[in-house]
Amino acid sequence: MHKHDYDYLVIGSGFGGSVSALRLAEKGWKVGVFEQGRRITPKDIEAGKNKVSRYLWSPKLKCTGYLVQHFFKHVTIIGGIGVGGGSIVWAAVMLPPKKAFYQDPILKRLKLDLETELAPHLETASRMLGVTTNPRRTEQDSLLQKTAENLGAAETFSAVPNAIYFGKPGEERADPYFGGQGPARSGCQFCSGCTTGCMHGSKNALYLNYLYLAEKAGVEIKAEHQAKRIAPLPGGGYQVNFVHPVSGKALSTINAKHVILSAGVVGTLELLFNNRDKHKTLPNVSPTLGKVVRTNSEAITAILHPKGHDVSDGTTISTDFHPNTHTHITQNRLDKGSRFMRLYMGPLVDGKNPRLRAIKTLFAMLGSPLLMAQNAFIREWEKRITVLTVMQDLDNHIQLGLKRRWWSPVKTLRSSRNPGNEAPSYLPIANQVTREFAKVSGGKPMNMLPESIGGMSTTAHILSGCPMGHSQQDGVIDTNHQVHGHPGLFVVDGSSVPANIGVNPSLTITAMAERFAANQPENRRKK
């Protein structure tokens, strides 16, 4: 019998992991959270806004920041890395799932009434993350509203709920959320920098609520620890080996009675695939692993506005609208920390055939030298750019799995298509809305080049990969998030979300983690 260092070991500190850590500690369990990224300070965020290598995470390129980009053949996935996970770089939009999410055939097959079950947890998540309606409306919001009106969708335009402290701008006050148990906060300064990190303490990132309270409750958080090998222990529990994420040096071996994988879709899938297929330590993980990975049916477009416009006044996302039943659109402001994104942008080009669209885009770039030069070189580019995030609740998805490249002996995580349900890199409605927005502002509509040339969608809202099912044959996890065939091993993050949500998913992931933790037992021996 091995001694357990923790009752629950949580791998990852994003929305799923932070909620699990706090709630299980409150139930009397000894909890540890191990995160491969660093603890990110306001000074780190300030440095990230001024230097790309301090913003992006890519150790092989000497980039040690907190935004990671995963490039696959069919999708580019953007996420956060550090204590707080995706909340470090998330736009703080907290929308509930659309009705279609609850009516998905998967949930009906599982006889799972998530609409009823999640209702109280959505309320708890909103309270914990300080969700309130964005109170400010500036030029970019007016442009989006006029666009919605022109497209016959005026009634769907609204301000979004944000997880941001909208106190007096720049003024610090004692904890406004948790009866004095939380940290002091400073009112939002509407600097448009949510997605490059909030250095003012206004955005309600997880290290200011769930993780902050978790540490006060006794949770141990270890940064710069990357999980590698997970093996069952004789008599129950798991042994997990950790290495340093940059040097690869072995750091520690931890024994835990239960392990919760909350490393985000890419991180969790890599761990499960490697331990099932490479290390052979988790042989019972379902063959459905990675077969359905959802991009939230997402596309990203942009508008470069004429000289004289300044659309950067506000939070990153403050308003949205629905041009049709299946589509949700938000506007995005950027700050100087996002200037590298200009390298990804080119002329707006239509086309369902990826190869033909790529050729048309290359010719459009050659035929638009002024647009390309302006986008690449104008000063204060962030004041003249609007980015639109377009999401749909349609049943589109890809596969992720371990495969070997022809030139490499090592298997790595790679993407492939799901015929008949391909995740699109071209959404006609996205280009239509972008053109209309450009007409309203007098600007130039643009596509993301990875989509128009590379034929791959771009998303910060990757979901699924660990489907819920009745058994190992039809799912990786059960409806309580436990991995089939491996008792005490759980998946609690975006990879456990069973269907496309069609809106920004952070509120749903948080609520599902609250549901998971509520179903775990209390430590009665400690009481």
Protein backbone atom coordinates (compact mmCIF):
# COMPACT_ATOMS: atom_id res chain seq x y z
CA MET A 1 0.00 0.00 0.00
CA HIS A 2 1.45 3.34 -1.06
CA LYS A 3 0.99 6.46 1.01
CA HIS A 4 -0.98 9.14 -0.81
CA ASP A 5 0.47 12.66 -0.91
CA TYR A 6 -2.97 14.05 -1.80
CA ASP A 7 -6.55 12.87 -1.72
CA TYR A 8 -7.10 14.71 -5.02
CA LEU A 9 -4.32 15.74 -7.39
CA VAL A 10 -5.48 18.27 -9.99
CA ILE A 11 -3.42 18.58 -13.17
CA GLY A 12 -4.02 22.05 -14.62
CA SER A 13 -5.37 25.24 -13.10
CA GLY A 14 -7.94 26.49 -15.60
CA PHE A 15 -11.69 26.70 -15.07
CA GLY A 16 -12.19 22.98 -14.43
CA GLY A 17 -9.17 22.55 -12.20
CA SER A 18 -9.60 25.67 -10.08
CA VAL A 19 -13.25 24.95 -9.31
CA SER A 20 -12.47 21.33 -8.42
CA ALA A 21 -9.61 22.37 -6.15
CA LEU A 22 -11.62 24.85 -4.10
CA ARG A 23 -14.74 22.74 -3.72
CA LEU A 24 -12.89 19.54 -2.79
CA ALA A 25 -10.79 21.42 -0.22
CA GLU A 26 -14.01 22.80 1.24
CA LYS A 27 -15.19 19.18 1.58
CA GLY A 28 -12.21 18.41 3.75
CA TRP A 29 -9.89 16.71 1.25
CA LYS A 30 -6.17 17.36 0.84
CA VAL A 31 -5.78 18.83 -2.63
CA GLY A 32 -2.79 19.67 -4.79
CA VAL A 33 -2.86 21.61 -8.07
CA PHE A 34 0.08 21.13 -10.44
CA GLU A 35 0.37 23.57 -13.36
CA GLN A 36 3.00 23.53 -16.12
CA GLY A 37 3.00 27.32 -16.53
CA ARG A 38 4.36 29.99 -14.22
CA ARG A 39 2.62 32.22 -11.73
CA ILE A 40 1.92 35.30 -13.83
CA THR A 41 2.31 38.67 -12.12
CA PRO A 42 1.18 42.13 -13.26
CA LYS A 43 4.81 42.81 -14.21
CA ASP A 44 4.84 39.67 -16.38
CA ILE A 45 1.69 40.86 -18.12
CA GLU A 46 3.13 44.31 -18.68
CA ALA A 47 6.23 42.72 -20.16
CA GLY A 48 4.05 40.49 -22.37
CA LYS A 49 2.29 43.52 -23.81
CA ASN A 50 5.62 45.04 -24.81
CA LYS A 51 7.53 42.01 -26.08
CA VAL A 52 6.12 39.04 -28.00
CA SER A 53 8.63 36.59 -26.49
CA ARG A 54 7.26 37.48 -23.03
CA TYR A 55 3.67 36.98 -24.22
CA LEU A 56 3.79 33.78 -26.29
CA TRP A 57 4.64 30.35 -24.88
CA SER A 58 7.01 28.35 -27.09
CA PRO A 59 10.12 27.26 -25.16
CA LYS A 60 11.84 25.94 -28.32
CA LEU A 61 11.71 29.50 -29.68
CA LYS A 62 12.81 31.01 -26.35
CA CYS A 63 9.28 32.34 -25.72
CA THR A 64 8.30 31.91 -22.08
CA GLY A 65 5.05 33.87 -21.86
CA TYR A 66 1.50 32.82 -21.10
CA LEU A 67 -0.33 32.50 -24.46
CA VAL A 68 0.09 29.18 -26.25
CA GLN A 69 -0.73 28.46 -29.90
CA HIS A 70 -1.16 24.86 -31.05
CA PHE A 71 -0.91 24.51 -34.82
CA PHE A 72 -2.57 21.45 -36.34
CA LYS A 73 -3.37 20.67 -39.96
CA HIS A 74 -7.05 21.52 -39.56
CA VAL A 75 -7.17 23.96 -36.65
CA THR A 76 -5.13 26.51 -34.72
CA ILE A 77 -5.91 26.40 -31.00
CA ILE A 78 -5.20 29.35 -28.73
CA GLY A 79 -5.04 29.06 -24.94
CA GLY A 80 -3.50 30.29 -21.74
CA ILE A 81 -0.62 28.71 -19.83
CA GLY A 82 0.14 29.65 -16.25
CA VAL A 83 -1.55 29.53 -12.87
CA GLY A 84 -5.10 30.42 -13.83
CA GLY A 85 -4.97 28.69 -17.21
CA GLY A 86 -7.14 30.17 -19.93
CA SER A 87 -8.50 32.87 -17.61
CA ILE A 88 -5.22 34.75 -17.94
CA VAL A 89 -5.93 35.50 -21.60
CA TRP A 90 -9.70 35.08 -21.78
CA ALA A 91 -11.95 37.94 -22.78
CA ALA A 92 -14.11 37.45 -19.65
CA VAL A 93 -17.32 36.82 -21.60
CA MET A 94 -19.72 34.68 -19.55
CA LEU A 95 -22.68 33.59 -21.65
CA PRO A 96 -24.94 30.64 -20.74
CA PRO A 97 -25.25 27.75 -23.21
CA LYS A 98 -27.72 28.09 -26.05
CA LYS A 99 -30.88 25.98 -25.94
CA ALA A 100 -29.54 23.71 -28.68
CA PHE A 101 -26.74 22.56 -26.37
CA TYR A 102 -29.21 21.00 -23.95
CA GLN A 103 -31.13 19.35 -26.79
CA ASP A 104 -28.09 17.65 -28.32
CA PRO A 105 -28.75 13.96 -29.17
CA ILE A 106 -25.76 12.91 -27.05
CA LEU A 107 -27.40 14.24 -23.90
CA LYS A 108 -30.68 12.58 -24.79
CA ARG A 109 -28.91 9.26 -25.32
CA LEU A 110 -27.29 9.62 -21.89
CA LYS A 111 -30.65 10.63 -20.37
CA LEU A 112 -28.84 13.63 -18.92
CA ASP A 113 -30.95 16.69 -18.15
CA LEU A 114 -28.12 19.21 -18.03
CA GLU A 115 -30.48 22.14 -18.36
CA THR A 116 -31.93 21.32 -14.94
CA GLU A 117 -28.73 20.05 -13.38
CA LEU A 118 -26.55 22.98 -14.46
CA ALA A 119 -29.02 25.75 -13.52
CA PRO A 120 -27.86 26.20 -9.89
CA HIS A 121 -24.22 25.77 -10.86
CA LEU A 122 -24.46 28.44 -13.55
CA GLU A 123 -25.69 30.80 -10.85
CA THR A 124 -22.83 29.83 -8.54
CA ALA A 125 -20.25 30.23 -11.30
CA SER A 126 -21.62 33.67 -12.18
CA ARG A 127 -21.44 34.77 -8.55
CA MET A 128 -17.93 33.41 -8.03
CA LEU A 129 -16.63 35.07 -11.18
CA GLY A 130 -18.36 38.40 -10.51
CA VAL A 131 -20.43 38.39 -13.68
CA THR A 132 -22.23 41.61 -14.55
CA THR A 133 -23.46 43.27 -17.73
CA ASN A 134 -20.87 45.45 -19.43
CA PRO A 135 -21.88 49.07 -18.65
CA ARG A 136 -19.90 50.93 -21.32
CA ARG A 137 -20.67 51.51 -24.99
CA THR A 138 -18.26 53.23 -27.38
CA GLU A 139 -17.62 53.52 -31.13
CA GLN A 140 -17.02 49.85 -31.81
CA ASP A 141 -20.28 48.86 -30.12
CA SER A 142 -22.18 51.40 -32.20
CA LEU A 143 -20.62 49.97 -35.37
CA LEU A 144 -21.64 46.45 -34.39
CA GLN A 145 -25.17 47.59 -33.55
CA LYS A 146 -25.54 49.30 -36.93
CA THR A 147 -24.25 46.14 -38.61
CA ALA A 148 -26.86 44.07 -36.79
CA GLU A 149 -29.57 46.52 -37.84
CA ASN A 150 -28.50 46.37 -41.49
CA LEU A 151 -28.64 42.57 -41.39
CA GLY A 152 -32.12 42.52 -39.87
CA ALA A 153 -30.92 41.28 -36.48
CA ALA A 154 -31.22 44.48 -34.41
CA GLU A 155 -33.32 42.78 -31.74
CA THR A 156 -30.48 40.33 -30.96
CA PHE A 157 -27.87 43.01 -30.28
CA SER A 158 -26.99 43.43 -26.60
CA ALA A 159 -24.27 44.11 -24.08
CA VAL A 160 -22.52 40.95 -22.89
CA PRO A 161 -22.09 39.71 -19.32
CA ASN A 162 -18.46 40.10 -18.27
CA ALA A 163 -16.43 38.68 -15.39
CA ILE A 164 -14.87 42.07 -14.70
CA TYR A 165 -14.94 44.41 -11.71
CA PHE A 166 -16.53 47.60 -13.03
CA GLY A 167 -15.71 49.81 -10.06
CA LYS A 168 -14.40 53.34 -10.36
CA PRO A 169 -11.67 53.10 -13.05
CA GLY A 170 -8.24 52.68 -11.50
CA GLU A 171 -9.50 52.96 -7.92
CA GLU A 172 -8.59 50.09 -5.61
CA ARG A 173 -11.01 48.89 -2.97
CA ALA A 174 -11.20 46.01 -0.55
CA ASP A 175 -12.59 42.68 -1.79
CA PRO A 176 -16.02 43.40 -3.31
CA TYR A 177 -17.04 39.77 -3.84
CA PHE A 178 -16.31 37.42 -0.92
CA GLY A 179 -17.04 39.33 2.26
CA GLY A 180 -13.43 40.38 2.72
CA GLN A 181 -11.97 36.92 2.11
CA GLY A 182 -10.77 37.77 -1.42
CA PRO A 183 -8.07 40.17 -2.66
CA ALA A 184 -8.43 43.92 -3.13
CA ARG A 185 -9.59 44.90 -6.60
CA SER A 186 -9.19 47.84 -8.95
CA GLY A 187 -11.91 49.21 -11.24
CA CYS A 188 -11.66 48.42 -14.97
CA GLN A 189 -9.78 51.03 -16.99
CA PHE A 190 -11.30 49.92 -20.34
CA CYS A 191 -7.87 49.47 -21.86
CA SER A 192 -8.95 46.72 -24.33
CA GLY A 193 -6.24 44.41 -22.97
CA CYS A 194 -8.24 41.49 -21.57
CA THR A 195 -6.78 38.91 -23.95
CA THR A 196 -3.17 39.90 -23.31
CA GLY A 197 -3.76 39.77 -19.58
CA CYS A 198 -5.14 42.27 -17.10
CA MET A 199 -2.36 43.97 -15.15
CA HIS A 200 -4.77 46.21 -13.24
CA GLY A 201 -6.53 43.51 -11.19
CA SER A 202 -9.91 44.23 -12.78
CA LYS A 203 -10.62 41.09 -14.79
CA ASN A 204 -11.82 38.28 -12.56
CA ALA A 205 -9.17 35.77 -13.53
CA LEU A 206 -9.15 32.51 -11.56
CA TYR A 207 -6.15 33.48 -9.44
CA LEU A 208 -8.34 36.25 -7.94
CA ASN A 209 -11.26 34.02 -6.91
CA TYR A 210 -11.34 30.21 -7.06
CA LEU A 211 -7.59 29.68 -6.80
CA TYR A 212 -7.10 32.50 -4.30
CA LEU A 213 -9.74 31.01 -2.00
CA ALA A 214 -8.45 27.49 -2.64
CA GLU A 215 -5.00 28.38 -1.34
CA LYS A 216 -6.56 29.96 1.74
CA ALA A 217 -8.41 26.68 2.24
CA GLY A 218 -5.12 24.76 2.22
CA VAL A 219 -4.72 23.76 -1.44
CA GLU A 220 -1.09 23.48 -2.51
CA ILE A 221 -0.36 24.95 -5.95
CA LYS A 222 2.85 23.94 -7.71
CA ALA A 223 3.77 25.96 -10.80
CA GLU A 224 6.15 24.87 -13.58
CA HIS A 225 5.30 21.17 -13.14
CA GLN A 226 4.30 19.28 -16.29
CA ALA A 227 2.66 15.88 -15.84
CA LYS A 228 4.07 13.06 -17.96
CA ARG A 229 3.41 9.53 -16.71
CA ILE A 230 0.24 8.48 -14.85
CA ALA A 231 0.17 4.93 -13.48
CA PRO A 232 -2.31 3.10 -11.23
CA LEU A 233 -1.00 2.15 -7.80
CA PRO A 234 -1.50 -1.28 -6.22
CA GLY A 235 -4.36 -0.93 -3.77
CA GLY A 236 -5.82 2.16 -5.46
CA GLY A 237 -4.81 5.63 -6.51
CA TYR A 238 -2.28 6.86 -9.06
CA GLN A 239 1.35 7.81 -9.30
CA VAL A 240 2.16 10.85 -11.45
CA ASN A 241 5.61 11.88 -12.63
CA PHE A 242 6.32 15.56 -13.25
CA VAL A 243 9.07 17.30 -15.21
CA HIS A 244 10.05 20.91 -15.73
CA PRO A 245 8.16 22.16 -18.83
CA VAL A 246 11.19 23.91 -20.33
CA SER A 247 14.24 21.85 -19.33
CA GLY A 248 12.47 18.49 -19.17
CA LYS A 249 14.28 17.77 -15.90
CA ALA A 250 12.51 15.33 -13.59
CA LEU A 251 10.97 17.18 -10.64
CA SER A 252 8.79 14.97 -8.49
CA THR A 253 6.73 11.81 -8.24
CA ILE A 254 3.36 12.25 -6.56
CA ASN A 255 0.95 9.61 -5.27
CA ALA A 256 -2.73 10.54 -5.05
CA LYS A 257 -5.93 8.69 -4.25
CA HIS A 258 -7.73 10.52 -7.07
CA VAL A 259 -6.40 12.40 -10.11
CA ILE A 260 -8.33 15.11 -11.99
CA LEU A 261 -7.18 15.98 -15.49
CA SER A 262 -7.89 19.66 -16.13
CA ALA A 263 -5.08 20.44 -18.54
CA GLY A 264 -7.32 21.80 -21.31
CA VAL A 265 -8.34 19.81 -24.38
CA VAL A 266 -4.85 19.54 -25.89
CA GLY A 267 -3.08 18.85 -22.60
CA THR A 268 -5.62 16.32 -21.36
CA LEU A 269 -5.74 14.42 -24.65
CA GLU A 270 -1.93 14.29 -24.83
CA LEU A 271 -1.79 12.83 -21.32
CA LEU A 272 -4.44 10.20 -21.99
CA PHE A 273 -3.06 9.20 -25.39
CA ASN A 274 0.54 8.98 -24.17
CA ASN A 275 -0.37 6.98 -21.08
CA ARG A 276 -2.65 4.63 -22.99
CA ASP A 277 -0.55 4.09 -26.11
CA LYS A 278 3.04 5.01 -25.24
CA HIS A 279 3.53 4.24 -21.55
CA LYS A 280 0.78 1.57 -21.54
CA THR A 281 -0.14 2.63 -17.99
CA LEU A 282 -3.77 3.51 -18.71
CA PRO A 283 -4.73 0.68 -21.11
CA ASN A 284 -8.47 0.88 -20.47
CA VAL A 285 -8.97 4.41 -21.84
CA SER A 286 -11.74 4.23 -24.44
CA PRO A 287 -11.00 4.00 -28.17
CA THR A 288 -13.41 6.96 -28.55
CA LEU A 289 -10.67 9.24 -27.17
CA GLY A 290 -10.11 12.19 -29.50
CA LYS A 291 -12.59 10.98 -32.13
CA VAL A 292 -14.84 14.04 -31.75
CA VAL A 293 -13.11 17.35 -30.97
CA ARG A 294 -15.21 20.46 -31.45
CA THR A 295 -13.97 23.87 -32.58
CA ASN A 296 -17.22 25.59 -31.54
CA SER A 297 -17.64 25.93 -35.35
CA GLU A 298 -15.59 29.09 -35.15
CA ALA A 299 -14.16 31.64 -37.57
CA ILE A 300 -12.25 34.85 -36.91
CA THR A 301 -12.39 37.88 -39.23
CA ALA A 302 -11.33 41.51 -38.95
CA ILE A 303 -11.94 45.05 -40.19
CA LEU A 304 -9.15 47.62 -40.61
CA HIS A 305 -10.74 51.03 -40.13
CA PRO A 306 -9.74 54.32 -41.82
CA LYS A 307 -7.40 56.80 -40.20
CA GLY A 308 -9.10 58.78 -37.45
CA HIS A 309 -10.94 55.86 -35.88
CA ASP A 310 -10.07 54.63 -32.39
CA VAL A 311 -12.06 51.51 -31.57
CA SER A 312 -9.84 50.43 -28.65
CA ASP A 313 -11.84 52.19 -25.90
CA GLY A 314 -13.47 49.48 -23.80
CA THR A 315 -13.10 45.90 -22.65
CA THR A 316 -12.04 43.37 -25.27
CA ILE A 317 -15.63 42.20 -25.79
CA SER A 318 -18.61 44.28 -24.73
CA THR A 319 -21.45 43.56 -27.19
CA ASP A 320 -22.73 40.77 -29.43
CA PHE A 321 -25.55 39.75 -31.76
CA HIS A 322 -27.00 36.72 -33.58
CA PRO A 323 -27.34 37.10 -37.38
CA ASN A 324 -29.23 33.78 -37.52
CA THR A 325 -30.40 30.98 -35.26
CA HIS A 326 -27.12 29.06 -35.25
CA THR A 327 -24.58 31.91 -35.25
CA HIS A 328 -23.21 34.14 -32.48
CA ILE A 329 -20.90 37.10 -33.14
CA THR A 330 -18.84 39.18 -30.75
CA GLN A 331 -16.63 42.18 -31.47
CA ASN A 332 -13.09 42.20 -30.08
CA ARG A 333 -10.84 45.11 -29.20
CA LEU A 334 -7.09 44.63 -29.05
CA ASP A 335 -4.27 46.39 -27.28
CA LYS A 336 -0.63 46.74 -28.28
CA GLY A 337 0.19 43.29 -26.95
CA SER A 338 -1.75 41.76 -29.84
CA ARG A 339 0.10 43.54 -32.65
CA PHE A 340 1.69 40.27 -33.79
CA MET A 341 -1.81 39.23 -34.97
CA ARG A 342 -1.49 41.61 -37.94
CA LEU A 343 0.84 39.00 -39.47
CA TYR A 344 -2.09 36.59 -39.67
CA MET A 345 -4.43 38.88 -41.60
CA GLY A 346 -5.14 39.33 -45.30
CA PRO A 347 -7.93 40.29 -47.73
CA LEU A 348 -11.41 38.85 -47.25
CA VAL A 349 -11.98 36.02 -49.75
CA ASP A 350 -14.94 33.66 -50.19
CA GLY A 351 -14.80 30.01 -51.20
CA LYS A 352 -15.85 26.63 -49.82
CA ASN A 353 -13.03 24.81 -51.64
CA PRO A 354 -9.93 25.32 -49.46
CA ARG A 355 -7.41 25.01 -52.31
CA LEU A 356 -9.22 27.40 -54.62
CA ARG A 357 -9.73 29.83 -51.77
CA ALA A 358 -6.03 29.72 -50.95
CA ILE A 359 -5.13 30.55 -54.57
CA LYS A 360 -7.69 33.36 -54.68
CA THR A 361 -6.30 34.74 -51.42
CA LEU A 362 -2.74 34.81 -52.74
CA PHE A 363 -3.87 36.73 -55.83
CA ALA A 364 -5.95 39.06 -53.62
CA MET A 365 -2.87 39.79 -51.51
CA LEU A 366 -0.86 40.62 -54.64
CA GLY A 367 -3.71 42.82 -55.83
CA SER A 368 -4.05 44.67 -52.52
CA PRO A 369 -0.57 46.05 -51.79
CA LEU A 370 -1.90 49.13 -50.02
CA LEU A 371 -4.10 47.11 -47.64
CA MET A 372 -1.30 44.67 -46.88
CA ALA A 373 1.17 47.52 -46.27
CA GLN A 374 -1.25 49.45 -44.05
CA ASN A 375 -2.08 46.37 -42.01
CA ALA A 376 1.60 45.53 -41.58
CA PHE A 377 3.08 48.94 -40.87
CA ILE A 378 0.59 51.54 -39.61
CA ARG A 379 1.27 52.91 -36.15
CA GLU A 380 -1.14 52.16 -33.33
CA TRP A 381 -2.68 49.41 -35.45
CA GLU A 382 -4.64 48.21 -32.44
CA LYS A 383 -6.71 51.41 -32.44
CA ARG A 384 -7.90 50.81 -36.00
CA ILE A 385 -8.63 47.07 -35.93
CA THR A 386 -11.83 45.26 -35.01
CA VAL A 387 -11.76 41.47 -34.73
CA LEU A 388 -14.99 39.49 -35.00
CA THR A 389 -15.38 36.09 -33.37
CA VAL A 390 -18.03 34.01 -35.13
CA MET A 391 -19.31 30.86 -33.37
CA GLN A 392 -21.96 28.30 -34.30
CA ASP A 393 -23.75 25.49 -32.46
CA LEU A 394 -23.71 23.12 -35.46
CA ASP A 395 -22.43 19.55 -35.14
CA ASN A 396 -18.98 20.06 -36.67
CA HIS A 397 -15.81 18.46 -35.38
CA ILE A 398 -12.36 17.02 -36.10
CA GLN A 399 -10.26 14.19 -34.67
CA LEU A 400 -7.06 14.45 -32.65
CA GLY A 401 -4.82 11.44 -32.19
CA LEU A 402 -1.23 10.27 -31.88
CA LYS A 403 0.32 9.86 -35.30
CA ARG A 404 3.81 9.74 -36.72
CA ARG A 405 4.93 12.26 -39.34
CA TRP A 406 6.68 10.68 -42.30
CA TRP A 407 10.00 12.20 -41.31
CA SER A 408 9.80 11.56 -37.54
CA PRO A 409 10.05 8.37 -35.44
CA VAL A 410 8.03 10.05 -32.66
CA LYS A 411 4.25 10.05 -32.53
CA THR A 412 2.69 13.42 -31.71
CA LEU A 413 -0.85 14.76 -31.47
CA ARG A 414 -2.17 15.41 -34.99
CA SER A 415 -5.55 16.31 -36.48
CA SER A 416 -7.72 14.65 -39.11
CA ARG A 417 -11.14 15.29 -40.63
CA ASN A 418 -14.43 13.68 -39.68
CA PRO A 419 -16.11 13.16 -43.08
CA GLY A 420 -19.61 14.59 -43.15
CA ASN A 421 -19.02 16.69 -40.03
CA GLU A 422 -15.90 18.63 -41.01
CA ALA A 423 -15.12 21.69 -38.91
CA PRO A 424 -15.28 24.54 -41.44
CA SER A 425 -12.48 26.98 -42.16
CA TYR A 426 -14.92 29.10 -44.17
CA LEU A 427 -18.22 30.41 -42.78
CA PRO A 428 -20.16 32.42 -45.39
CA ILE A 429 -22.09 34.25 -42.68
CA ALA A 430 -18.79 35.37 -41.10
CA ASN A 431 -17.64 37.02 -44.33
CA GLN A 432 -21.08 38.52 -44.91
CA VAL A 433 -21.15 40.17 -41.48
CA THR A 434 -17.56 41.36 -41.86
CA ARG A 435 -18.30 43.03 -45.19
CA GLU A 436 -21.34 44.77 -43.71
CA PHE A 437 -19.33 45.96 -40.70
CA ALA A 438 -16.67 47.33 -43.09
CA LYS A 439 -19.35 49.21 -45.06
CA VAL A 440 -20.62 50.78 -41.85
CA SER A 441 -17.18 52.00 -40.75
CA GLY A 442 -15.66 52.65 -44.17
CA GLY A 443 -12.98 50.06 -43.40
CA LYS A 444 -11.47 47.07 -45.18
CA PRO A 445 -12.73 43.54 -44.42
CA MET A 446 -10.10 40.89 -43.70
CA ASN A 447 -9.74 37.14 -43.11
CA MET A 448 -7.27 35.24 -40.99
CA LEU A 449 -4.66 33.80 -43.36
CA PRO A 450 -4.46 30.43 -41.55
CA GLU A 451 -8.14 30.05 -42.48
CA SER A 452 -8.11 31.46 -46.01
CA ILE A 453 -4.72 30.06 -47.11
CA GLY A 454 -4.12 27.23 -44.65
CA GLY A 455 -7.67 25.87 -44.71
CA MET A 456 -7.73 25.54 -40.93
CA SER A 457 -10.10 27.16 -38.49
CA THR A 458 -8.85 29.20 -35.55
CA THR A 459 -10.38 28.90 -32.11
CA ALA A 460 -9.81 29.78 -28.49
CA HIS A 461 -12.82 27.63 -27.59
CA ILE A 462 -11.78 24.06 -28.34
CA LEU A 463 -14.11 21.50 -26.75
CA SER A 464 -14.74 17.76 -26.33
CA GLY A 465 -12.39 14.87 -27.07
CA CYS A 466 -13.35 12.90 -23.96
CA PRO A 467 -16.97 12.00 -24.70
CA MET A 468 -19.41 10.97 -22.03
CA GLY A 469 -20.82 7.49 -22.47
CA HIS A 470 -22.40 4.55 -20.68
CA SER A 471 -19.27 2.41 -21.05
CA GLN A 472 -15.76 2.26 -22.47
CA GLN A 473 -17.28 1.36 -25.83
CA ASP A 474 -19.12 4.65 -26.32
CA GLY A 475 -17.30 7.14 -24.12
CA VAL A 476 -14.09 8.05 -22.31
CA ILE A 477 -15.88 9.24 -19.15
CA ASP A 478 -19.19 8.63 -17.43
CA THR A 479 -21.69 11.35 -16.58
CA ASN A 480 -19.79 12.01 -13.33
CA HIS A 481 -16.57 12.65 -15.29
CA GLN A 482 -14.83 9.43 -14.17
CA VAL A 483 -12.73 7.64 -16.81
CA HIS A 484 -14.21 4.27 -17.72
CA GLY A 485 -11.91 1.46 -16.62
CA HIS A 486 -9.79 3.64 -14.34
CA PRO A 487 -11.58 4.36 -11.04
CA GLY A 488 -10.51 7.57 -9.36
CA LEU A 489 -9.29 9.20 -12.57
CA PHE A 490 -11.46 12.11 -13.75
CA VAL A 491 -11.56 14.60 -16.64
CA VAL A 492 -12.92 18.04 -15.74
CA ASP A 493 -12.23 20.67 -18.40
CA GLY A 494 -13.35 21.65 -21.89
CA SER A 495 -12.61 18.16 -23.21
CA SER A 496 -15.54 16.81 -21.17
CA VAL A 497 -18.10 19.20 -22.70
CA PRO A 498 -20.32 16.91 -24.81
CA ALA A 499 -21.53 19.29 -27.57
CA ASN A 500 -20.82 22.61 -29.32
CA ILE A 501 -22.06 25.41 -27.10
CA GLY A 502 -22.19 28.06 -29.81
CA VAL A 503 -21.05 30.84 -27.45
CA ASN A 504 -17.96 31.51 -25.35
CA PRO A 505 -17.77 28.34 -23.19
CA SER A 506 -16.05 29.43 -19.96
CA LEU A 507 -19.27 29.78 -17.94
CA THR A 508 -20.43 26.32 -19.03
CA ILE A 509 -17.07 24.69 -18.19
CA THR A 510 -17.10 26.38 -14.78
CA ALA A 511 -20.66 25.23 -14.08
CA MET A 512 -19.89 21.66 -15.16
CA ALA A 513 -16.91 21.64 -12.80
CA GLU A 514 -19.17 22.87 -9.99
CA ARG A 515 -21.57 20.00 -10.81
CA PHE A 516 -18.71 17.49 -10.75
CA ALA A 517 -17.39 18.70 -7.39
CA ALA A 518 -20.88 18.76 -5.87
CA ASN A 519 -21.20 15.05 -6.68
CA GLN A 520 -17.95 14.13 -4.93
CA PRO A 521 -18.21 12.90 -1.32
CA GLU A 522 -17.21 14.85 1.75
CA ASN A 523 -14.30 13.75 3.92
CA ARG A 524 -16.30 12.69 6.96
CA ARG A 525 -13.23 11.40 8.79
CA LYS A 526 -11.72 14.88 8.88
CA LYS A 527 -14.96 16.27 10.30
